[in-house]
Amino acid sequence: MNLQDLRIPIGEWVDAMVDWLTVNLEWMFDGIAEILGSLIDALEMALQWPPALVTIAILALIALFARNWKFGLFTALSFGLIATMGQWEAAMSTLALVLVASVLAVLIGLPLGIIAARNQTFSSILRPLLDFMQTMPSFVYLIPAIIFFGIGKVPGVVATIVFSMPPGARLTELGLRQVDAEVVEAGEAFGASPTKILTRVQIPLALPTIMAGVNQVIMLALSMVVIAGIVGAGGLGAEVFRGVTRLNVGLGFEGGLSVVIVAVFLDRITSAFGSKASSRTSK
């Protein structure tokens, strides 16, 4: 018997499930789209409303206090370059999408990691799901997102959340499991409740690893948001996609360079917070 003749219609099953969800949970998807759309629009307006020089100064001050004056100067010059290339509005739109997607991915991933660290059965179930989410090609997430939410920023953010969430859950679980068992036992010996042990002992000690997970979430979110520009999410992804479709090397390079600048800024900021958390826990 030829195995090729024994076809399992997984694709048809998935199509049927998506159709059922679209028909029966339309009210839920509409509500999610309304909430996410409002969050994205509000943050995008907040980033684009001040003059570019004001926003650049604020970002430079954040970089200065997070790291040092060199990074503050780099931030001012690099975001000034984005503005002079005519990519300012697209960059702020991308930054808004990344921040919304990253915050929501962290809010979902951290509780999952905490539960997995405290429950081995839940961890055994969650681990293969996270493997599936991380190894699935990122473009695939855009298909159901478009079906559920249509074209625009919302499906891009939803696909980004799904794609970027796994590192947050994984590294949260890893950080909590790496906390010295003797420290936890000492807290229990003093009569601390499980909640206090978690919030006052385990999470502070695991914070450097958790922040590393947050950093990975942000980097994956940025990469996915750029891809989501294909489905109308706008921002720098749309600029890069426009450059590709028109074979415009200059436009594609400007969009790509702006993505690199935003990525470096977010990476260094989150790394700085992680380093500060590590120095506090080591004292």
Protein backbone atom coordinates (compact mmCIF):
# COMPACT_ATOMS: atom_id res chain seq x y z
CA MET A 1 0.00 0.00 0.00
CA ASN A 2 1.37 3.41 -0.99
CA LEU A 3 1.41 5.91 1.88
CA GLN A 4 0.78 8.72 -0.59
CA ASP A 5 -2.65 7.24 -1.28
CA LEU A 6 -3.48 7.35 2.44
CA ARG A 7 -4.16 11.05 2.76
CA ILE A 8 -5.13 12.55 6.12
CA PRO A 9 -7.22 15.67 5.42
CA ILE A 10 -5.68 17.85 8.15
CA GLY A 11 -6.00 20.93 5.98
CA GLU A 12 -9.74 20.37 5.51
CA TRP A 13 -10.19 19.89 9.28
CA VAL A 14 -8.37 23.15 9.97
CA ASP A 15 -10.48 24.96 7.35
CA ALA A 16 -13.66 23.60 8.93
CA MET A 17 -12.53 24.70 12.40
CA VAL A 18 -11.66 28.20 11.16
CA ASP A 19 -15.03 28.48 9.40
CA TRP A 20 -16.83 27.41 12.59
CA LEU A 21 -14.91 29.92 14.68
CA THR A 22 -15.56 32.70 12.18
CA VAL A 23 -19.32 32.07 12.21
CA ASN A 24 -19.86 31.35 15.91
CA LEU A 25 -17.32 33.67 17.55
CA GLU A 26 -17.64 36.68 15.30
CA TRP A 27 -18.80 38.79 18.26
CA MET A 28 -15.61 37.96 20.18
CA PHE A 29 -13.31 38.76 17.26
CA ASP A 30 -15.12 42.05 16.70
CA GLY A 31 -14.63 42.96 20.36
CA ILE A 32 -10.94 42.07 20.26
CA ALA A 33 -10.50 44.07 17.07
CA GLU A 34 -12.20 47.09 18.65
CA ILE A 35 -10.03 46.98 21.78
CA LEU A 36 -6.74 46.38 19.96
CA GLY A 37 -7.55 48.98 17.32
CA SER A 38 -8.23 51.59 20.01
CA LEU A 39 -4.98 50.78 21.85
CA ILE A 40 -2.90 50.95 18.68
CA ASP A 41 -4.49 54.19 17.47
CA ALA A 42 -4.10 55.87 20.88
CA LEU A 43 -0.42 54.95 21.22
CA GLU A 44 0.34 55.80 17.62
CA MET A 45 -1.31 59.20 18.07
CA ALA A 46 0.66 59.79 21.28
CA LEU A 47 3.95 59.04 19.49
CA GLN A 48 3.17 61.06 16.37
CA TRP A 49 1.38 64.04 17.94
CA PRO A 50 4.46 65.90 19.32
CA PRO A 51 6.98 67.33 16.88
CA ALA A 52 9.66 64.83 15.92
CA LEU A 53 12.33 66.79 17.81
CA VAL A 54 10.33 66.54 21.04
CA THR A 55 9.86 62.78 20.71
CA ILE A 56 13.53 62.34 19.81
CA ALA A 57 14.52 64.30 22.92
CA ILE A 58 12.28 62.11 25.11
CA LEU A 59 13.70 58.91 23.60
CA ALA A 60 17.24 60.23 24.06
CA LEU A 61 16.54 61.00 27.74
CA ILE A 62 15.17 57.47 28.22
CA ALA A 63 18.34 56.09 26.65
CA LEU A 64 20.50 58.37 28.80
CA PHE A 65 18.93 57.27 32.09
CA ALA A 66 18.74 53.61 31.01
CA ARG A 67 22.40 53.33 29.96
CA ASN A 68 24.74 56.29 29.47
CA TRP A 69 25.28 59.52 27.55
CA LYS A 70 26.81 57.68 24.58
CA PHE A 71 23.66 55.68 23.99
CA GLY A 72 21.59 58.82 24.53
CA LEU A 73 23.59 60.58 21.81
CA PHE A 74 23.29 57.55 19.52
CA THR A 75 19.51 57.52 20.05
CA ALA A 76 19.17 61.21 19.22
CA LEU A 77 21.30 60.95 16.07
CA SER A 78 19.78 57.69 14.83
CA PHE A 79 16.15 58.75 15.29
CA GLY A 80 17.04 62.10 13.78
CA LEU A 81 18.30 60.15 10.76
CA ILE A 82 14.95 58.35 10.55
CA ALA A 83 13.17 61.72 10.51
CA THR A 84 15.43 63.16 7.81
CA MET A 85 14.86 60.06 5.63
CA GLY A 86 11.13 60.72 5.73
CA GLN A 87 10.40 57.54 7.69
CA TRP A 88 9.34 59.16 10.97
CA GLU A 89 5.60 58.44 10.86
CA ALA A 90 6.21 54.87 9.68
CA ALA A 91 8.77 54.32 12.45
CA MET A 92 6.42 55.63 15.14
CA SER A 93 3.62 53.46 13.76
CA THR A 94 5.91 50.43 13.94
CA LEU A 95 7.00 51.36 17.46
CA ALA A 96 3.34 51.59 18.54
CA LEU A 97 2.55 48.18 17.03
CA VAL A 98 5.59 46.59 18.68
CA LEU A 99 4.84 48.07 22.10
CA VAL A 100 1.18 46.98 22.07
CA ALA A 101 2.01 43.48 20.83
CA SER A 102 4.94 43.07 23.24
CA VAL A 103 3.02 44.21 26.31
CA LEU A 104 0.14 41.86 25.54
CA ALA A 105 2.51 38.97 24.75
CA VAL A 106 4.29 39.51 28.07
CA LEU A 107 0.99 39.74 29.97
CA ILE A 108 0.00 36.38 28.47
CA GLY A 109 3.40 34.68 28.56
CA LEU A 110 4.46 35.50 32.13
CA PRO A 111 1.42 33.93 33.86
CA LEU A 112 1.76 30.85 31.66
CA GLY A 113 5.44 30.57 32.65
CA ILE A 114 4.60 30.98 36.34
CA ILE A 115 1.93 28.27 36.19
CA ALA A 116 4.28 25.97 34.26
CA ALA A 117 7.03 26.47 36.86
CA ARG A 118 4.65 25.49 39.66
CA ASN A 119 2.83 22.65 37.89
CA GLN A 120 4.77 19.96 36.05
CA THR A 121 1.68 18.60 34.28
CA PHE A 122 0.83 22.03 32.89
CA SER A 123 4.47 22.45 31.84
CA SER A 124 4.39 19.14 29.96
CA ILE A 125 1.29 20.28 28.07
CA LEU A 126 2.53 23.84 27.43
CA ARG A 127 6.01 22.93 26.16
CA PRO A 128 4.96 21.25 22.88
CA LEU A 129 2.46 24.04 22.23
CA LEU A 130 5.23 26.62 22.57
CA ASP A 131 7.45 24.50 20.30
CA PHE A 132 4.68 24.49 17.71
CA MET A 133 4.16 28.25 17.99
CA GLN A 134 7.87 29.02 17.62
CA THR A 135 8.62 26.67 14.73
CA MET A 136 5.54 27.42 12.62
CA PRO A 137 6.52 29.81 9.78
CA SER A 138 5.53 33.31 10.71
CA PHE A 139 3.59 33.91 7.47
CA VAL A 140 1.16 31.13 8.42
CA TYR A 141 -0.13 33.13 11.40
CA LEU A 142 -1.26 35.89 9.06
CA ILE A 143 -3.78 33.64 7.27
CA PRO A 144 -6.21 32.98 10.17
CA ALA A 145 -5.57 36.49 11.52
CA ILE A 146 -6.80 37.98 8.24
CA ILE A 147 -9.83 35.66 8.19
CA PHE A 148 -10.81 36.58 11.77
CA PHE A 149 -9.94 40.29 11.77
CA GLY A 150 -9.69 41.39 8.15
CA ILE A 151 -6.92 43.52 6.65
CA GLY A 152 -5.10 46.13 8.73
CA LYS A 153 -3.16 46.63 11.94
CA VAL A 154 -5.21 44.34 14.20
CA PRO A 155 -4.45 41.04 12.40
CA GLY A 156 -0.79 42.04 12.29
CA VAL A 157 -0.73 42.61 16.05
CA VAL A 158 -2.63 39.37 16.78
CA ALA A 159 -0.22 37.34 14.64
CA THR A 160 2.69 39.13 16.33
CA ILE A 161 1.41 38.28 19.81
CA VAL A 162 1.11 34.59 18.95
CA PHE A 163 4.53 34.51 17.29
CA SER A 164 6.45 36.45 19.98
CA MET A 165 4.85 35.12 23.18
CA PRO A 166 6.70 31.74 23.61
CA PRO A 167 10.10 33.13 24.78
CA GLY A 168 8.39 35.07 27.56
CA ALA A 169 6.68 31.95 28.89
CA ARG A 170 9.76 29.75 28.45
CA LEU A 171 12.25 32.02 30.17
CA THR A 172 9.84 32.86 32.97
CA GLU A 173 9.48 29.16 33.73
CA LEU A 174 13.23 28.65 33.40
CA GLY A 175 14.05 31.55 35.71
CA LEU A 176 11.65 30.39 38.41
CA ARG A 177 12.89 26.81 38.24
CA GLN A 178 16.50 28.01 38.60
CA VAL A 179 15.80 29.73 41.92
CA ASP A 180 17.68 27.93 44.69
CA ALA A 181 15.35 25.49 46.43
CA GLU A 182 16.98 26.27 49.78
CA VAL A 183 15.90 29.91 49.48
CA VAL A 184 12.32 28.82 48.84
CA GLU A 185 12.45 26.39 51.76
CA ALA A 186 13.74 29.18 54.01
CA GLY A 187 10.75 31.30 53.08
CA GLU A 188 8.41 28.42 53.80
CA ALA A 189 10.12 27.84 57.15
CA PHE A 190 9.38 31.44 58.13
CA GLY A 191 5.71 30.85 57.37
CA ALA A 192 5.48 32.80 54.11
CA SER A 193 2.50 31.94 51.93
CA PRO A 194 3.06 30.55 48.40
CA THR A 195 1.98 33.90 46.95
CA LYS A 196 4.52 35.84 49.02
CA ILE A 197 7.26 33.35 48.19
CA LEU A 198 6.47 33.81 44.51
CA THR A 199 6.28 37.61 44.55
CA ARG A 200 9.00 38.39 47.10
CA VAL A 201 11.49 35.57 46.60
CA GLN A 202 11.19 33.70 43.32
CA ILE A 203 10.26 36.48 40.88
CA PRO A 204 12.93 38.95 42.18
CA LEU A 205 15.62 36.26 41.91
CA ALA A 206 14.39 35.15 38.49
CA LEU A 207 14.00 38.72 37.19
CA PRO A 208 17.20 38.77 35.05
CA THR A 209 16.07 35.65 33.17
CA ILE A 210 12.53 37.00 32.88
CA MET A 211 13.86 40.26 31.43
CA ALA A 212 15.87 38.27 28.91
CA GLY A 213 12.59 36.69 27.87
CA VAL A 214 10.97 40.12 27.57
CA ASN A 215 13.86 41.20 25.35
CA GLN A 216 13.31 38.21 23.07
CA VAL A 217 9.58 38.92 22.94
CA ILE A 218 10.25 42.48 21.76
CA MET A 219 12.76 41.40 19.12
CA LEU A 220 10.43 38.74 17.71
CA ALA A 221 7.54 41.21 17.80
CA LEU A 222 9.55 43.71 15.77
CA SER A 223 10.47 41.10 13.15
CA MET A 224 6.85 39.94 12.86
CA VAL A 225 5.43 43.46 12.69
CA VAL A 226 7.64 44.12 9.68
CA ILE A 227 6.27 40.99 7.99
CA ALA A 228 2.74 42.06 8.94
CA GLY A 229 3.20 45.11 6.75
CA ILE A 230 2.21 42.81 3.90
CA VAL A 231 -1.37 42.57 5.22
CA GLY A 232 -1.84 46.30 5.71
CA ALA A 233 -0.37 46.76 9.19
CA GLY A 234 1.48 49.80 7.89
CA GLY A 235 4.65 51.17 9.44
CA LEU A 236 8.13 50.32 8.30
CA GLY A 237 7.00 46.88 7.14
CA ALA A 238 4.83 48.53 4.51
CA GLU A 239 7.78 50.67 3.42
CA VAL A 240 10.03 47.63 3.05
CA PHE A 241 7.30 45.71 1.20
CA ARG A 242 6.71 48.68 -1.09
CA GLY A 243 10.41 48.80 -1.86
CA VAL A 244 10.44 45.09 -2.71
CA THR A 245 7.38 45.20 -4.97
CA ARG A 246 8.68 48.25 -6.83
CA LEU A 247 12.29 47.01 -6.92
CA ASN A 248 13.18 50.31 -5.26
CA VAL A 249 16.47 49.57 -3.53
CA GLY A 250 16.68 53.01 -1.91
CA LEU A 251 13.23 52.85 -0.33
CA GLY A 252 13.81 49.30 0.88
CA PHE A 253 17.16 50.28 2.39
CA GLU A 254 15.70 53.31 4.18
CA GLY A 255 12.91 51.19 5.65
CA GLY A 256 15.32 48.42 6.63
CA LEU A 257 17.78 50.87 8.22
CA SER A 258 14.93 52.41 10.23
CA VAL A 259 13.92 48.94 11.44
CA VAL A 260 17.51 48.30 12.57
CA ILE A 261 17.60 51.60 14.50
CA VAL A 262 14.31 50.85 16.30
CA ALA A 263 15.49 47.30 17.03
CA VAL A 264 18.81 48.47 18.50
CA PHE A 265 17.03 51.05 20.67
CA LEU A 266 14.52 48.54 22.08
CA ASP A 267 17.17 45.85 22.54
CA ARG A 268 19.55 48.11 24.47
CA ILE A 269 16.77 49.54 26.65
CA THR A 270 15.44 46.13 27.70
CA SER A 271 18.99 44.81 28.16
CA ALA A 272 19.74 47.75 30.45
CA PHE A 273 16.70 47.00 32.60
CA GLY A 274 17.76 43.34 32.72
CA SER A 275 21.27 44.29 33.83
CA LYS A 276 19.92 46.56 36.56
CA ALA A 277 17.63 43.79 37.76
CA SER A 278 20.57 41.39 37.85
CA SER A 279 22.71 43.84 39.84
CA ARG A 280 19.92 44.34 42.39
CA THR A 281 19.41 40.61 42.93
CA SER A 282 23.14 39.99 43.29
CA LYS A 283 23.44 42.45 46.17
